[in-house]
Amino acid sequence: MDTSYILNHLGEEHGDYFNAIAPPIVQTSNFLFETVAELRKAFEDEYSGFLYSRGLNPTVEILRKKLAALDGAEDCLVFNSGAAAIYASVMSVIKAGDHIVSVNAPYTWATKLFVNTLPRFGVTHTFIDGTQPENWENALQPNTTLFYLESPNSWTYEIQDLEAIAALAKRRGITTIIDNSYCTPIYQRPIEMGIDMSLQSATKYIGGHSDTVAGVLTGRRAHMEKIFNEEYLTVGSGIQPFNAWLLLRGLRTLPMRLEHISKTTLAVVDWLKNHPLVEKVLFPFDETFTQYELARRQMSGACGLLTFMLKHDNPAGIEAFCNRLKFIRMAVSWGGHESLIIPKVAGMKTEHFDPLNPLHRSCRLYVGLEEADFIIRDLEQAFTG
């Protein structure tokens, strides 16, 4: 299905809302029924109609159709955060006594789910170096039911061979879930490579304006309906109509924003690689990246997130560099219009800093919609002090 059609036309029945160009925000909690029979039908199958906006809503419905089509998936659910999408997808697969194989250091709230929450119910996990397909097979246990992937991750960008891991999982009857936030379905389509469920933080590039929080989960319709009737409705984690409308707005410009960001990022990467105070740059589409060939094979783009290591032997120097930045602001997340930076030292106590650990000297930079020269000038003045 053509991306331009998906983003600008799919799911939009303008005659249903007074021929308005922009779909409306159907800001209602409730929906009316003319007969008891109609209400009974809605109670029996809430996934096929509008009963209560905690579940389905017309504005959200348009968004669901577009996001499912972008992923090449049968269906989609939209959540009020990426963490909620992680929670629902994982909980829909596992039961007490199961075992999960996950990439090392997945997103914080996935880690907390595996380490803190699920062990209370007898669910165990094994974290592995997911870059080698054989590591997944070696980690298998008789009770393994889930492979959890994140490719690339959002700090050091390790990549998994999605087709190989999906094939292994299917042979063993194991469900696969991937966090595809880094690439979005514009630049990577895991469903087409055999992954069962693909999730992403729509807070990032889908929204694109740093003004809403949301999560997306796509997969087979039967599985999405199961999650809707259990984890989604039970926890009450569905997105609200206004936030769904903001995501629809963000989708209109998604390819153009990603194209501009990707072009600018390559220029910033090249500049950083040649700066005397930078030891190393990590970016999947840079030829020095360890998994460059795999990245090129299964990703069509790499967007705007990169990491660079500074040649500082103390956290004070790293902090001073970040504090001198004028327009690249310090904040978590990424994907909006503004460039952002976060140093690894912000997440650790000073006494734990190890100058021999390159990761401790790293800064994650998100390249936003500013021009490359503008971003580079800000970096340069921060380096020179």
Protein backbone atom coordinates (compact mmCIF):
# COMPACT_ATOMS: atom_id res chain seq x y z
CA MET A 1 0.00 0.00 0.00
CA ASP A 2 1.40 3.39 -0.98
CA THR A 3 2.75 5.40 1.97
CA SER A 4 1.30 8.67 0.64
CA TYR A 5 -2.14 7.06 0.49
CA ILE A 6 -1.81 5.68 4.01
CA LEU A 7 -0.74 8.96 5.58
CA ASN A 8 -3.14 11.25 3.74
CA HIS A 9 -6.22 9.21 2.83
CA LEU A 10 -6.59 5.78 4.45
CA GLY A 11 -9.43 5.59 6.96
CA GLU A 12 -10.69 9.10 6.27
CA GLU A 13 -14.36 9.07 5.30
CA HIS A 14 -14.91 12.81 4.95
CA GLY A 15 -18.60 12.42 4.26
CA ASP A 16 -19.04 11.11 7.80
CA TYR A 17 -17.90 14.42 9.28
CA PHE A 18 -19.36 17.21 7.11
CA ASN A 19 -16.66 16.88 4.41
CA ALA A 20 -14.09 18.45 6.72
CA ILE A 21 -10.54 18.08 5.41
CA ALA A 22 -9.12 17.31 8.84
CA PRO A 23 -10.80 14.46 10.75
CA PRO A 24 -12.46 15.79 13.90
CA ILE A 25 -11.59 15.09 17.50
CA VAL A 26 -14.54 12.99 18.64
CA GLN A 27 -14.22 14.15 22.23
CA THR A 28 -16.82 11.95 23.84
CA SER A 29 -16.71 9.35 26.58
CA ASN A 30 -19.92 7.59 25.54
CA PHE A 31 -21.94 6.51 22.48
CA LEU A 32 -25.72 6.26 22.10
CA PHE A 33 -27.82 3.28 20.96
CA GLU A 34 -31.31 3.36 19.51
CA THR A 35 -32.36 -0.12 20.56
CA VAL A 36 -31.58 -2.68 23.23
CA ALA A 37 -30.52 -5.09 20.48
CA GLU A 38 -27.86 -2.65 19.27
CA LEU A 39 -26.57 -2.13 22.81
CA ARG A 40 -26.50 -5.89 23.41
CA LYS A 41 -24.45 -6.38 20.25
CA ALA A 42 -21.94 -3.75 21.43
CA PHE A 43 -21.62 -5.47 24.80
CA GLU A 44 -21.00 -8.80 23.09
CA ASP A 45 -18.31 -7.48 20.72
CA GLU A 46 -16.85 -4.15 21.78
CA TYR A 47 -13.99 -4.57 19.30
CA SER A 48 -16.35 -4.12 16.35
CA GLY A 49 -17.99 -0.82 17.28
CA PHE A 50 -18.09 2.20 19.53
CA LEU A 51 -19.37 1.70 23.06
CA TYR A 52 -17.12 3.68 25.38
CA SER A 53 -13.98 5.70 24.54
CA ARG A 54 -11.88 3.76 27.02
CA GLY A 55 -11.97 1.18 24.23
CA LEU A 56 -12.61 2.37 20.67
CA ASN A 57 -13.23 5.90 19.42
CA PRO A 58 -13.71 7.23 15.85
CA THR A 59 -10.63 9.48 15.96
CA VAL A 60 -8.51 6.65 17.31
CA GLU A 61 -9.95 4.31 14.69
CA ILE A 62 -8.55 6.39 11.82
CA LEU A 63 -5.14 6.38 13.49
CA ARG A 64 -5.24 2.61 14.05
CA LYS A 65 -5.87 1.93 10.37
CA LYS A 66 -2.99 4.12 9.26
CA LEU A 67 -0.47 2.73 11.75
CA ALA A 68 -1.36 -0.89 10.97
CA ALA A 69 -0.95 -0.25 7.25
CA LEU A 70 2.41 1.48 7.76
CA ASP A 71 3.69 -1.62 9.55
CA GLY A 72 2.19 -4.02 7.00
CA ALA A 73 0.21 -5.54 9.88
CA GLU A 74 -3.37 -6.76 10.11
CA ASP A 75 -4.30 -4.58 13.05
CA CYS A 76 -3.12 -2.03 15.58
CA LEU A 77 -3.78 -0.79 19.10
CA VAL A 78 -2.76 2.66 20.30
CA PHE A 79 -1.85 3.20 23.95
CA ASN A 80 -1.36 6.21 26.20
CA SER A 81 2.40 5.50 26.33
CA GLY A 82 5.07 3.27 24.85
CA ALA A 83 5.50 1.63 28.25
CA ALA A 84 1.83 0.63 28.19
CA ALA A 85 2.31 -1.01 24.79
CA ILE A 86 5.28 -2.96 26.14
CA TYR A 87 3.34 -4.08 29.20
CA ALA A 88 0.26 -5.21 27.26
CA SER A 89 2.18 -7.05 24.55
CA VAL A 90 4.37 -8.97 27.01
CA MET A 91 1.51 -9.78 29.40
CA SER A 92 -0.57 -11.10 26.50
CA VAL A 93 2.02 -13.80 25.84
CA ILE A 94 3.39 -14.99 29.16
CA LYS A 95 1.89 -16.94 32.03
CA ALA A 96 3.19 -17.99 35.45
CA GLY A 97 6.30 -20.13 35.14
CA ASP A 98 7.31 -18.96 31.65
CA HIS A 99 10.76 -17.81 30.53
CA ILE A 100 11.64 -14.76 28.43
CA VAL A 101 14.76 -14.22 26.34
CA SER A 102 15.50 -10.52 25.87
CA VAL A 103 18.23 -8.34 24.43
CA ASN A 104 20.59 -6.80 26.96
CA ALA A 105 19.51 -3.50 28.48
CA PRO A 106 16.17 -2.97 26.75
CA TYR A 107 14.20 0.23 27.35
CA THR A 108 13.97 1.08 31.06
CA TRP A 109 10.36 0.07 31.59
CA ALA A 110 10.80 -3.20 29.73
CA THR A 111 13.75 -3.93 32.01
CA LYS A 112 11.71 -3.09 35.12
CA LEU A 113 8.89 -5.34 33.90
CA PHE A 114 11.27 -8.29 33.43
CA VAL A 115 13.37 -7.71 36.56
CA ASN A 116 10.93 -6.32 39.13
CA THR A 117 7.36 -7.26 38.21
CA LEU A 118 7.25 -10.60 36.43
CA PRO A 119 9.43 -12.56 38.90
CA ARG A 120 6.63 -12.06 41.43
CA PHE A 121 4.60 -14.43 39.25
CA GLY A 122 7.34 -16.97 38.63
CA VAL A 123 8.32 -15.61 35.20
CA THR A 124 12.07 -15.70 34.60
CA HIS A 125 14.22 -14.01 31.99
CA THR A 126 17.63 -14.20 30.37
CA PHE A 127 19.32 -11.10 28.97
CA ILE A 128 21.63 -11.82 26.04
CA ASP A 129 23.84 -10.19 23.45
CA GLY A 130 21.20 -10.24 20.73
CA THR A 131 23.58 -9.38 17.91
CA GLN A 132 24.47 -13.06 17.41
CA PRO A 133 21.50 -15.24 16.31
CA GLU A 134 22.99 -18.31 17.96
CA ASN A 135 22.78 -16.60 21.35
CA TRP A 136 18.99 -16.73 21.13
CA GLU A 137 19.01 -20.46 20.56
CA ASN A 138 21.58 -21.05 23.29
CA ALA A 139 19.40 -19.17 25.79
CA LEU A 140 16.32 -21.29 25.13
CA GLN A 141 14.74 -23.19 28.00
CA PRO A 142 11.84 -25.67 27.83
CA ASN A 143 9.50 -22.96 29.16
CA THR A 144 10.64 -20.12 26.87
CA THR A 145 7.59 -18.45 25.34
CA LEU A 146 8.83 -15.00 24.32
CA PHE A 147 11.73 -13.36 22.47
CA TYR A 148 11.93 -9.62 23.19
CA LEU A 149 13.93 -7.55 20.69
CA GLU A 150 14.90 -3.90 20.41
CA SER A 151 16.62 -3.13 17.14
CA PRO A 152 18.42 -0.80 17.20
CA ASN A 153 18.36 0.11 20.87
CA SER A 154 18.37 3.76 21.83
CA TRP A 155 21.88 4.31 23.18
CA THR A 156 24.45 1.97 21.65
CA TYR A 157 22.28 0.79 18.72
CA GLU A 158 22.90 -2.95 18.77
CA ILE A 159 20.95 -4.64 15.97
CA GLN A 160 19.41 -8.08 15.75
CA ASP A 161 19.04 -10.16 12.59
CA LEU A 162 15.26 -10.02 12.53
CA GLU A 163 14.63 -12.64 9.85
CA ALA A 164 16.95 -15.21 11.46
CA ILE A 165 15.52 -14.71 14.95
CA ALA A 166 11.93 -14.76 13.68
CA ALA A 167 12.59 -18.01 11.84
CA LEU A 168 14.08 -19.62 14.95
CA ALA A 169 11.13 -18.47 17.05
CA LYS A 170 8.58 -19.86 14.62
CA ARG A 171 10.31 -23.25 14.59
CA ARG A 172 10.10 -23.36 18.38
CA GLY A 173 6.60 -21.90 18.76
CA ILE A 174 7.90 -18.77 20.47
CA THR A 175 6.29 -15.32 20.13
CA THR A 176 8.49 -12.39 19.05
CA ILE A 177 8.04 -8.75 20.05
CA ILE A 178 10.24 -5.89 18.86
CA ASP A 179 10.59 -2.31 19.99
CA ASN A 180 10.89 -0.48 16.65
CA SER A 181 10.95 3.06 18.10
CA TYR A 182 14.36 3.92 16.64
CA CYS A 183 13.41 3.38 12.99
CA THR A 184 9.61 3.73 12.86
CA PRO A 185 7.83 1.65 10.17
CA ILE A 186 9.03 4.18 7.60
CA TYR A 187 12.59 2.87 7.92
CA GLN A 188 12.09 -0.69 9.21
CA ARG A 189 9.19 -3.12 8.84
CA PRO A 190 9.66 -6.00 11.28
CA ILE A 191 6.26 -7.61 10.61
CA GLU A 192 7.33 -8.26 7.02
CA MET A 193 10.49 -9.93 8.33
CA GLY A 194 8.50 -12.41 10.40
CA ILE A 195 8.25 -10.68 13.79
CA ASP A 196 4.88 -11.28 15.47
CA MET A 197 4.32 -7.92 17.17
CA SER A 198 5.96 -4.57 16.56
CA LEU A 199 5.72 -1.72 19.03
CA GLN A 200 7.01 1.82 19.12
CA SER A 201 6.86 4.94 21.19
CA ALA A 202 4.65 7.25 19.14
CA THR A 203 5.83 10.01 21.47
CA LYS A 204 8.90 10.13 19.25
CA TYR A 205 8.74 10.53 15.47
CA ILE A 206 5.05 9.74 14.96
CA GLY A 207 3.98 12.68 17.12
CA GLY A 208 7.01 14.67 16.07
CA HIS A 209 6.29 17.82 18.06
CA SER A 210 7.09 16.85 21.68
CA ASP A 211 3.52 17.55 22.72
CA THR A 212 1.96 14.13 23.27
CA VAL A 213 2.80 10.71 24.75
CA ALA A 214 1.61 7.49 23.11
CA GLY A 215 2.54 3.93 22.19
CA VAL A 216 1.72 1.73 19.19
CA LEU A 217 1.41 -2.04 18.93
CA THR A 218 0.75 -3.89 15.67
CA GLY A 219 0.32 -7.54 14.75
CA ARG A 220 -2.28 -10.13 13.77
CA ARG A 221 -5.89 -9.05 14.22
CA ALA A 222 -6.72 -12.03 16.43
CA HIS A 223 -3.90 -11.16 18.80
CA MET A 224 -4.77 -7.45 18.88
CA GLU A 225 -8.39 -8.33 19.67
CA LYS A 226 -7.25 -10.62 22.49
CA ILE A 227 -5.13 -7.84 23.96
CA PHE A 228 -7.98 -5.34 23.56
CA ASN A 229 -10.41 -7.54 25.50
CA GLU A 230 -7.91 -8.32 28.26
CA GLU A 231 -4.85 -6.16 28.94
CA TYR A 232 -6.02 -3.04 27.07
CA LEU A 233 -9.47 -2.69 28.64
CA THR A 234 -8.52 -4.09 32.03
CA VAL A 235 -5.68 -1.64 32.63
CA GLY A 236 -7.44 1.22 30.84
CA SER A 237 -4.34 2.14 28.85
CA GLY A 238 -5.97 3.38 25.64
CA ILE A 239 -5.08 6.71 24.08
CA GLN A 240 -7.45 9.68 24.36
CA PRO A 241 -9.08 11.24 21.25
CA PHE A 242 -7.17 14.53 21.41
CA ASN A 243 -3.80 12.77 21.59
CA ALA A 244 -4.82 10.50 18.72
CA TRP A 245 -5.64 13.61 16.68
CA LEU A 246 -2.18 15.03 17.42
CA LEU A 247 -0.63 11.80 16.13
CA LEU A 248 -2.71 11.99 12.96
CA ARG A 249 -1.35 15.48 12.44
CA GLY A 250 2.20 14.23 13.01
CA LEU A 251 1.81 11.43 10.48
CA ARG A 252 1.15 13.91 7.65
CA THR A 253 4.74 15.16 7.70
CA LEU A 254 6.51 12.04 9.00
CA PRO A 255 8.43 11.08 5.81
CA MET A 256 9.58 14.66 5.17
CA ARG A 257 10.72 15.14 8.76
CA LEU A 258 12.63 11.86 8.77
CA GLU A 259 14.27 12.66 5.43
CA HIS A 260 15.48 16.05 6.67
CA ILE A 261 16.62 14.69 10.03
CA SER A 262 18.48 11.79 8.39
CA LYS A 263 20.35 14.11 6.03
CA THR A 264 21.30 16.49 8.83
CA THR A 265 22.39 13.65 11.10
CA LEU A 266 24.92 12.35 8.59
CA ALA A 267 26.52 15.81 8.42
CA VAL A 268 26.67 16.05 12.22
CA VAL A 269 28.15 12.53 12.49
CA ASP A 270 30.88 13.38 9.98
CA TRP A 271 31.73 16.57 11.90
CA LEU A 272 31.84 14.84 15.28
CA LYS A 273 34.06 12.03 13.96
CA ASN A 274 36.70 14.60 13.03
CA HIS A 275 36.61 16.60 16.25
CA PRO A 276 39.73 16.20 18.43
CA LEU A 277 37.69 15.96 21.66
CA VAL A 278 35.52 13.11 20.37
CA GLU A 279 36.84 9.59 20.80
CA LYS A 280 34.14 7.68 18.92
CA VAL A 281 30.72 8.08 17.32
CA LEU A 282 28.04 5.39 17.25
CA PHE A 283 25.50 5.60 14.44
CA PRO A 284 24.08 2.59 12.53
CA PHE A 285 24.47 4.16 9.09
CA ASP A 286 28.07 5.21 9.60
CA GLU A 287 30.54 2.86 7.91
CA THR A 288 32.56 2.49 11.12
CA PHE A 289 29.57 1.02 12.95
CA THR A 290 30.19 -2.65 13.81
CA GLN A 291 26.89 -3.86 12.33
CA TYR A 292 26.81 -1.45 9.41
CA GLU A 293 26.11 -4.12 6.77
CA LEU A 294 23.19 -5.60 8.74
CA ALA A 295 21.80 -2.14 9.37
CA ARG A 296 21.86 -1.39 5.65
CA ARG A 297 20.22 -4.73 4.87
CA GLN A 298 17.18 -4.47 7.12
CA MET A 299 16.82 -0.71 7.67
CA SER A 300 16.14 1.84 4.93
CA GLY A 301 17.10 4.76 7.18
CA ALA A 302 18.57 5.58 10.58
CA CYS A 303 16.91 8.87 11.58
CA GLY A 304 18.51 11.21 14.10
CA LEU A 305 19.75 9.42 17.21
CA LEU A 306 23.51 9.00 17.73
CA THR A 307 25.98 8.62 20.59
CA PHE A 308 29.48 10.06 20.91
CA MET A 309 32.21 9.46 23.50
CA LEU A 310 34.12 12.44 24.85
CA LYS A 311 37.83 12.48 25.67
CA HIS A 312 37.26 13.54 29.27
CA ASP A 313 38.59 11.60 32.25
CA ASN A 314 36.15 13.15 34.73
CA PRO A 315 32.40 13.81 34.78
CA ALA A 316 32.92 17.52 35.45
CA GLY A 317 34.30 18.05 31.96
CA ILE A 318 31.37 16.23 30.38
CA GLU A 319 28.89 18.20 32.47
CA ALA A 320 30.56 21.48 31.57
CA PHE A 321 30.34 20.67 27.86
CA CYS A 322 26.62 19.90 28.11
CA ASN A 323 25.93 22.94 30.27
CA ARG A 324 27.54 25.23 27.67
CA LEU A 325 25.17 24.13 24.90
CA LYS A 326 22.77 26.97 24.07
CA PHE A 327 20.27 25.50 21.60
CA ILE A 328 20.75 21.75 21.97
CA ARG A 329 18.75 21.27 25.15
CA MET A 330 19.06 18.57 27.78
CA ALA A 331 16.04 16.26 27.97
CA VAL A 332 15.04 12.63 27.66
CA SER A 333 13.19 11.21 24.66
CA TRP A 334 13.68 12.23 21.04
CA GLY A 335 11.79 12.59 17.77
CA GLY A 336 10.49 16.15 18.13
CA HIS A 337 11.42 19.34 16.33
CA GLU A 338 14.23 20.30 18.72
CA SER A 339 17.71 18.82 19.08
CA LEU A 340 18.34 17.22 22.47
CA ILE A 341 21.26 15.78 24.40
CA ILE A 342 21.59 13.55 27.46
CA PRO A 343 24.96 12.58 29.01
CA LYS A 344 25.31 9.13 30.54
CA VAL A 345 26.76 10.73 33.70
CA ALA A 346 23.34 12.28 34.41
CA GLY A 347 22.07 8.81 35.26
CA MET A 348 24.84 7.77 37.64
CA LYS A 349 26.44 8.89 40.87
CA THR A 350 29.72 10.74 40.44
CA GLU A 351 31.63 8.17 42.49
CA HIS A 352 30.58 5.43 40.06
CA PHE A 353 32.14 7.18 37.06
CA ASP A 354 34.84 5.07 35.40
CA PRO A 355 36.99 7.00 32.91
CA LEU A 356 38.09 3.72 31.33
CA ASN A 357 34.48 2.88 30.43
CA PRO A 358 33.66 4.63 27.13
CA LEU A 359 29.95 4.40 27.86
CA HIS A 360 30.40 6.53 31.00
CA ARG A 361 31.92 9.23 28.79
CA SER A 362 29.10 9.10 26.26
CA CYS A 363 26.44 11.60 25.28
CA ARG A 364 23.34 10.71 23.31
CA LEU A 365 22.44 13.37 20.78
CA TYR A 366 19.12 13.67 18.99
CA VAL A 367 19.34 15.72 15.81
CA GLY A 368 16.09 17.62 15.33
CA LEU A 369 14.75 19.77 12.52
CA GLU A 370 17.35 22.53 12.75
CA GLU A 371 19.88 22.85 9.94
CA ALA A 372 23.17 20.99 10.26
CA ASP A 373 25.28 24.17 10.43
CA PHE A 374 23.16 25.52 13.28
CA ILE A 375 23.62 22.34 15.33
CA ILE A 376 27.34 22.11 14.58
CA ARG A 377 27.94 25.73 15.61
CA ASP A 378 26.32 25.04 18.97
CA LEU A 379 28.43 21.92 19.48
CA GLU A 380 31.60 23.79 18.51
CA GLN A 381 31.09 26.64 20.95
CA ALA A 382 30.36 24.11 23.72
CA PHE A 383 33.58 22.24 22.94
CA THR A 384 35.72 25.39 22.90
CA GLY A 385 34.14 26.79 26.05
